[in-house]
Amino acid sequence: MILTIFDRFYAFIKKLVQAWDPDYTKVTPQEAREIAEAEASGFVDEADINWDDLSQYID
């Protein structure tokens, strides 16, 4: 499979980020608290939104 320049650039950047911070995909304790607060305060799951008919959400 031939990789495009974009694919090669993306793979290179991903390797740089992982080398710089191998835990970059993990949530920090502060981020975990913020996520929990958002979910407890009326958080709407993306799966519950009808993206094909957003007009139903307009007041």
PDB file of N, CA and C in Angstrom:
ATOM      1  N   MET A   1       0.837  -1.182   0.000  1.00  0.00           N
ATOM      2  CA  MET A   1       0.000   0.000   0.000  1.00  0.00           C
ATOM      3  C   MET A   1       0.887   1.253   0.000  1.00  0.00           C
ATOM      4  N   ILE A   2       0.600   2.122  -0.883  1.00  0.00           N
ATOM      5  CA  ILE A   2       1.365   3.362  -0.984  1.00  0.00           C
ATOM      6  C   ILE A   2       0.738   4.404  -0.059  1.00  0.00           C
ATOM      7  N   LEU A   3       1.580   4.970   0.807  1.00  0.00           N
ATOM      8  CA  LEU A   3       1.094   5.991   1.718  1.00  0.00           C
ATOM      9  C   LEU A   3       1.196   7.361   1.069  1.00  0.00           C
ATOM     10  N   THR A   4       0.203   8.168   1.318  1.00  0.00           N
ATOM     11  CA  THR A   4       0.255   9.538   0.808  1.00  0.00           C
ATOM     12  C   THR A   4       1.192  10.349   1.697  1.00  0.00           C
ATOM     13  N   ILE A   5       1.517  11.518   1.243  1.00  0.00           N
ATOM     14  CA  ILE A   5       2.374  12.404   2.037  1.00  0.00           C
ATOM     15  C   ILE A   5       1.692  12.713   3.366  1.00  0.00           C
ATOM     16  N   PHE A   6       0.367  12.930   3.329  1.00  0.00           N
ATOM     17  CA  PHE A   6      -0.376  13.208   4.559  1.00  0.00           C
ATOM     18  C   PHE A   6      -0.256  12.055   5.538  1.00  0.00           C
ATOM     19  N   ASP A   7      -0.424  10.826   5.060  1.00  0.00           N
ATOM     20  CA  ASP A   7      -0.328   9.652   5.927  1.00  0.00           C
ATOM     21  C   ASP A   7       1.056   9.546   6.563  1.00  0.00           C
ATOM     22  N   ARG A   8       2.075   9.801   5.779  1.00  0.00           N
ATOM     23  CA  ARG A   8       3.440   9.747   6.302  1.00  0.00           C
ATOM     24  C   ARG A   8       3.679  10.852   7.328  1.00  0.00           C
ATOM     25  N   PHE A   9       3.179  12.053   7.031  1.00  0.00           N
ATOM     26  CA  PHE A   9       3.330  13.172   7.950  1.00  0.00           C
ATOM     27  C   PHE A   9       2.593  12.890   9.256  1.00  0.00           C
ATOM     28  N   TYR A  10       1.367  12.368   9.162  1.00  0.00           N
ATOM     29  CA  TYR A  10       0.585  12.031  10.349  1.00  0.00           C
ATOM     30  C   TYR A  10       1.313  10.988  11.199  1.00  0.00           C
ATOM     31  N   ALA A  11       1.834   9.950  10.568  1.00  0.00           N
ATOM     32  CA  ALA A  11       2.555   8.902  11.298  1.00  0.00           C
ATOM     33  C   ALA A  11       3.798   9.473  11.977  1.00  0.00           C
ATOM     34  N   PHE A  12       4.488  10.372  11.297  1.00  0.00           N
ATOM     35  CA  PHE A  12       5.673  11.002  11.872  1.00  0.00           C
ATOM     36  C   PHE A  12       5.309  11.851  13.087  1.00  0.00           C
ATOM     37  N   ILE A  13       4.277  12.667  12.965  1.00  0.00           N
ATOM     38  CA  ILE A  13       3.844  13.513  14.085  1.00  0.00           C
ATOM     39  C   ILE A  13       3.385  12.650  15.253  1.00  0.00           C
ATOM     40  N   LYS A  14       2.663  11.591  14.954  1.00  0.00           N
ATOM     41  CA  LYS A  14       2.198  10.694  16.021  1.00  0.00           C
ATOM     42  C   LYS A  14       3.385  10.093  16.775  1.00  0.00           C
ATOM     43  N   LYS A  15       4.415   9.684  16.054  1.00  0.00           N
ATOM     44  CA  LYS A  15       5.611   9.141  16.705  1.00  0.00           C
ATOM     45  C   LYS A  15       6.304  10.196  17.559  1.00  0.00           C
ATOM     46  N   LEU A  16       6.350  11.429  17.062  1.00  0.00           N
ATOM     47  CA  LEU A  16       6.955  12.507  17.842  1.00  0.00           C
ATOM     48  C   LEU A  16       6.195  12.750  19.139  1.00  0.00           C
ATOM     49  N   VAL A  17       4.877  12.779  19.042  1.00  0.00           N
ATOM     50  CA  VAL A  17       4.052  13.016  20.231  1.00  0.00           C
ATOM     51  C   VAL A  17       4.220  11.874  21.225  1.00  0.00           C
ATOM     52  N   GLN A  18       4.203  10.652  20.746  1.00  0.00           N
ATOM     53  CA  GLN A  18       4.363   9.510  21.640  1.00  0.00           C
ATOM     54  C   GLN A  18       5.744   9.501  22.284  1.00  0.00           C
ATOM     55  N   ALA A  19       6.755   9.915  21.555  1.00  0.00           N
ATOM     56  CA  ALA A  19       8.101   9.972  22.130  1.00  0.00           C
ATOM     57  C   ALA A  19       8.184  11.070  23.180  1.00  0.00           C
ATOM     58  N   TRP A  20       7.492  12.174  22.941  1.00  0.00           N
ATOM     59  CA  TRP A  20       7.506  13.305  23.861  1.00  0.00           C
ATOM     60  C   TRP A  20       6.675  13.004  25.105  1.00  0.00           C
ATOM     61  N   ASP A  21       5.499  12.362  24.909  1.00  0.00           N
ATOM     62  CA  ASP A  21       4.600  12.059  26.021  1.00  0.00           C
ATOM     63  C   ASP A  21       3.898  10.730  25.741  1.00  0.00           C
ATOM     64  N   PRO A  22       4.461   9.610  26.191  1.00  0.00           N
ATOM     65  CA  PRO A  22       3.878   8.306  25.886  1.00  0.00           C
ATOM     66  C   PRO A  22       2.472   8.107  26.461  1.00  0.00           C
ATOM     67  N   ASP A  23       2.071   8.929  27.421  1.00  0.00           N
ATOM     68  CA  ASP A  23       0.736   8.810  28.012  1.00  0.00           C
ATOM     69  C   ASP A  23      -0.221   9.883  27.499  1.00  0.00           C
ATOM     70  N   TYR A  24       0.038  10.410  26.299  1.00  0.00           N
ATOM     71  CA  TYR A  24      -0.747  11.543  25.813  1.00  0.00           C
ATOM     72  C   TYR A  24      -2.221  11.216  25.608  1.00  0.00           C
ATOM     73  N   THR A  25      -2.575   9.946  25.496  1.00  0.00           N
ATOM     74  CA  THR A  25      -3.982   9.591  25.298  1.00  0.00           C
ATOM     75  C   THR A  25      -4.712   9.367  26.606  1.00  0.00           C
ATOM     76  N   LYS A  26      -4.005   9.410  27.716  1.00  0.00           N
ATOM     77  CA  LYS A  26      -4.643   9.190  29.005  1.00  0.00           C
ATOM     78  C   LYS A  26      -5.200  10.501  29.543  1.00  0.00           C
ATOM     79  N   VAL A  27      -6.269  10.382  30.304  1.00  0.00           N
ATOM     80  CA  VAL A  27      -6.914  11.541  30.902  1.00  0.00           C
ATOM     81  C   VAL A  27      -6.199  11.893  32.204  1.00  0.00           C
ATOM     82  N   THR A  28      -5.932  13.182  32.386  1.00  0.00           N
ATOM     83  CA  THR A  28      -5.308  13.618  33.636  1.00  0.00           C
ATOM     84  C   THR A  28      -6.358  13.638  34.741  1.00  0.00           C
ATOM     85  N   PRO A  29      -5.947  13.661  36.009  1.00  0.00           N
ATOM     86  CA  PRO A  29      -6.934  13.734  37.098  1.00  0.00           C
ATOM     87  C   PRO A  29      -7.855  14.953  36.966  1.00  0.00           C
ATOM     88  N   GLN A  30      -7.314  16.091  36.571  1.00  0.00           N
ATOM     89  CA  GLN A  30      -8.142  17.298  36.390  1.00  0.00           C
ATOM     90  C   GLN A  30      -9.151  17.087  35.266  1.00  0.00           C
ATOM     91  N   GLU A  31      -8.717  16.504  34.159  1.00  0.00           N
ATOM     92  CA  GLU A  31      -9.622  16.243  33.039  1.00  0.00           C
ATOM     93  C   GLU A  31     -10.707  15.245  33.446  1.00  0.00           C
ATOM     94  N   ALA A  32     -10.355  14.245  34.238  1.00  0.00           N
ATOM     95  CA  ALA A  32     -11.344  13.268  34.709  1.00  0.00           C
ATOM     96  C   ALA A  32     -12.411  13.951  35.554  1.00  0.00           C
ATOM     97  N   ARG A  33     -12.004  14.879  36.422  1.00  0.00           N
ATOM     98  CA  ARG A  33     -12.968  15.628  37.234  1.00  0.00           C
ATOM     99  C   ARG A  33     -13.882  16.476  36.347  1.00  0.00           C
ATOM    100  N   GLU A  34     -13.298  17.131  35.353  1.00  0.00           N
ATOM    101  CA  GLU A  34     -14.089  17.967  34.450  1.00  0.00           C
ATOM    102  C   GLU A  34     -15.077  17.133  33.638  1.00  0.00           C
ATOM    103  N   ILE A  35     -14.670  15.965  33.206  1.00  0.00           N
ATOM    104  CA  ILE A  35     -15.562  15.064  32.462  1.00  0.00           C
ATOM    105  C   ILE A  35     -16.706  14.615  33.359  1.00  0.00           C
ATOM    106  N   ALA A  36     -16.390  14.228  34.582  1.00  0.00           N
ATOM    107  CA  ALA A  36     -17.426  13.787  35.522  1.00  0.00           C
ATOM    108  C   ALA A  36     -18.420  14.905  35.807  1.00  0.00           C
ATOM    109  N   GLU A  37     -17.924  16.131  35.988  1.00  0.00           N
ATOM    110  CA  GLU A  37     -18.805  17.275  36.227  1.00  0.00           C
ATOM    111  C   GLU A  37     -19.712  17.529  35.021  1.00  0.00           C
ATOM    112  N   ALA A  38     -19.155  17.441  33.837  1.00  0.00           N
ATOM    113  CA  ALA A  38     -19.944  17.672  32.624  1.00  0.00           C
ATOM    114  C   ALA A  38     -21.032  16.607  32.471  1.00  0.00           C
ATOM    115  N   GLU A  39     -20.697  15.364  32.747  1.00  0.00           N
ATOM    116  CA  GLU A  39     -21.671  14.288  32.618  1.00  0.00           C
ATOM    117  C   GLU A  39     -22.780  14.405  33.658  1.00  0.00           C
ATOM    118  N   ALA A  40     -22.454  14.924  34.831  1.00  0.00           N
ATOM    119  CA  ALA A  40     -23.443  15.061  35.905  1.00  0.00           C
ATOM    120  C   ALA A  40     -24.326  16.299  35.728  1.00  0.00           C
ATOM    121  N   SER A  41     -23.952  17.210  34.852  1.00  0.00           N
ATOM    122  CA  SER A  41     -24.685  18.471  34.731  1.00  0.00           C
ATOM    123  C   SER A  41     -25.523  18.557  33.457  1.00  0.00           C
ATOM    124  N   GLY A  42     -26.130  17.476  33.062  1.00  0.00           N
ATOM    125  CA  GLY A  42     -26.980  17.514  31.883  1.00  0.00           C
ATOM    126  C   GLY A  42     -26.253  17.199  30.596  1.00  0.00           C
ATOM    127  N   PHE A  43     -25.157  16.505  30.700  1.00  0.00           N
ATOM    128  CA  PHE A  43     -24.367  16.081  29.550  1.00  0.00           C
ATOM    129  C   PHE A  43     -25.242  15.288  28.585  1.00  0.00           C
ATOM    130  N   VAL A  44     -25.163  15.579  27.300  1.00  0.00           N
ATOM    131  CA  VAL A  44     -25.935  14.869  26.283  1.00  0.00           C
ATOM    132  C   VAL A  44     -24.973  13.998  25.488  1.00  0.00           C
ATOM    133  N   ASP A  45     -25.273  12.714  25.449  1.00  0.00           N
ATOM    134  CA  ASP A  45     -24.435  11.784  24.702  1.00  0.00           C
ATOM    135  C   ASP A  45     -24.633  12.008  23.207  1.00  0.00           C
ATOM    136  N   GLU A  46     -23.551  11.958  22.464  1.00  0.00           N
ATOM    137  CA  GLU A  46     -23.609  12.167  21.015  1.00  0.00           C
ATOM    138  C   GLU A  46     -24.575  11.201  20.336  1.00  0.00           C
ATOM    139  N   ALA A  47     -24.677   9.989  20.854  1.00  0.00           N
ATOM    140  CA  ALA A  47     -25.559   8.991  20.254  1.00  0.00           C
ATOM    141  C   ALA A  47     -27.032   9.357  20.400  1.00  0.00           C
ATOM    142  N   ASP A  48     -27.362  10.239  21.353  1.00  0.00           N
ATOM    143  CA  ASP A  48     -28.745  10.640  21.574  1.00  0.00           C
ATOM    144  C   ASP A  48     -29.185  11.782  20.669  1.00  0.00           C
ATOM    145  N   ILE A  49     -28.295  12.313  19.854  1.00  0.00           N
ATOM    146  CA  ILE A  49     -28.611  13.443  18.977  1.00  0.00           C
ATOM    147  C   ILE A  49     -28.923  12.929  17.581  1.00  0.00           C
ATOM    148  N   ASN A  50     -30.020  13.406  17.029  1.00  0.00           N
ATOM    149  CA  ASN A  50     -30.383  13.064  15.656  1.00  0.00           C
ATOM    150  C   ASN A  50     -29.691  14.072  14.747  1.00  0.00           C
ATOM    151  N   TRP A  51     -28.516  13.733  14.257  1.00  0.00           N
ATOM    152  CA  TRP A  51     -27.702  14.647  13.467  1.00  0.00           C
ATOM    153  C   TRP A  51     -28.305  14.934  12.101  1.00  0.00           C
ATOM    154  N   ASP A  52     -29.227  14.103  11.646  1.00  0.00           N
ATOM    155  CA  ASP A  52     -29.871  14.318  10.337  1.00  0.00           C
ATOM    156  C   ASP A  52     -31.008  15.326  10.411  1.00  0.00           C
ATOM    157  N   ASP A  53     -31.508  15.627  11.633  1.00  0.00           N
ATOM    158  CA  ASP A  53     -32.605  16.575  11.798  1.00  0.00           C
ATOM    159  C   ASP A  53     -32.382  17.441  13.020  1.00  0.00           C
ATOM    160  N   LEU A  54     -31.417  18.362  12.921  1.00  0.00           N
ATOM    161  CA  LEU A  54     -31.092  19.222  14.058  1.00  0.00           C
ATOM    162  C   LEU A  54     -32.158  20.287  14.301  1.00  0.00           C
ATOM    163  N   SER A  55     -33.053  20.490  13.342  1.00  0.00           N
ATOM    164  CA  SER A  55     -34.091  21.511  13.518  1.00  0.00           C
ATOM    165  C   SER A  55     -35.012  21.201  14.696  1.00  0.00           C
ATOM    166  N   GLN A  56     -35.134  19.964  15.082  1.00  0.00           N
ATOM    167  CA  GLN A  56     -36.001  19.597  16.202  1.00  0.00           C
ATOM    168  C   GLN A  56     -35.480  20.113  17.538  1.00  0.00           C
ATOM    169  N   TYR A  57     -34.222  20.540  17.584  1.00  0.00           N
ATOM    170  CA  TYR A  57     -33.629  21.017  18.840  1.00  0.00           C
ATOM    171  C   TYR A  57     -33.682  22.539  18.957  1.00  0.00           C
ATOM    172  N   ILE A  58     -34.194  23.204  17.949  1.00  0.00           N
ATOM    173  CA  ILE A  58     -34.283  24.658  17.979  1.00  0.00           C
ATOM    174  C   ILE A  58     -35.550  25.054  18.714  1.00  0.00           C
ATOM    175  N   ASP A  59     -35.409  26.004  19.648  1.00  0.00           N
ATOM    176  CA  ASP A  59     -36.598  26.470  20.394  1.00  0.00           C
ATOM    177  C   ASP A  59     -37.454  27.361  19.561  1.00  0.00           C
TER     178      ASP A  59
END
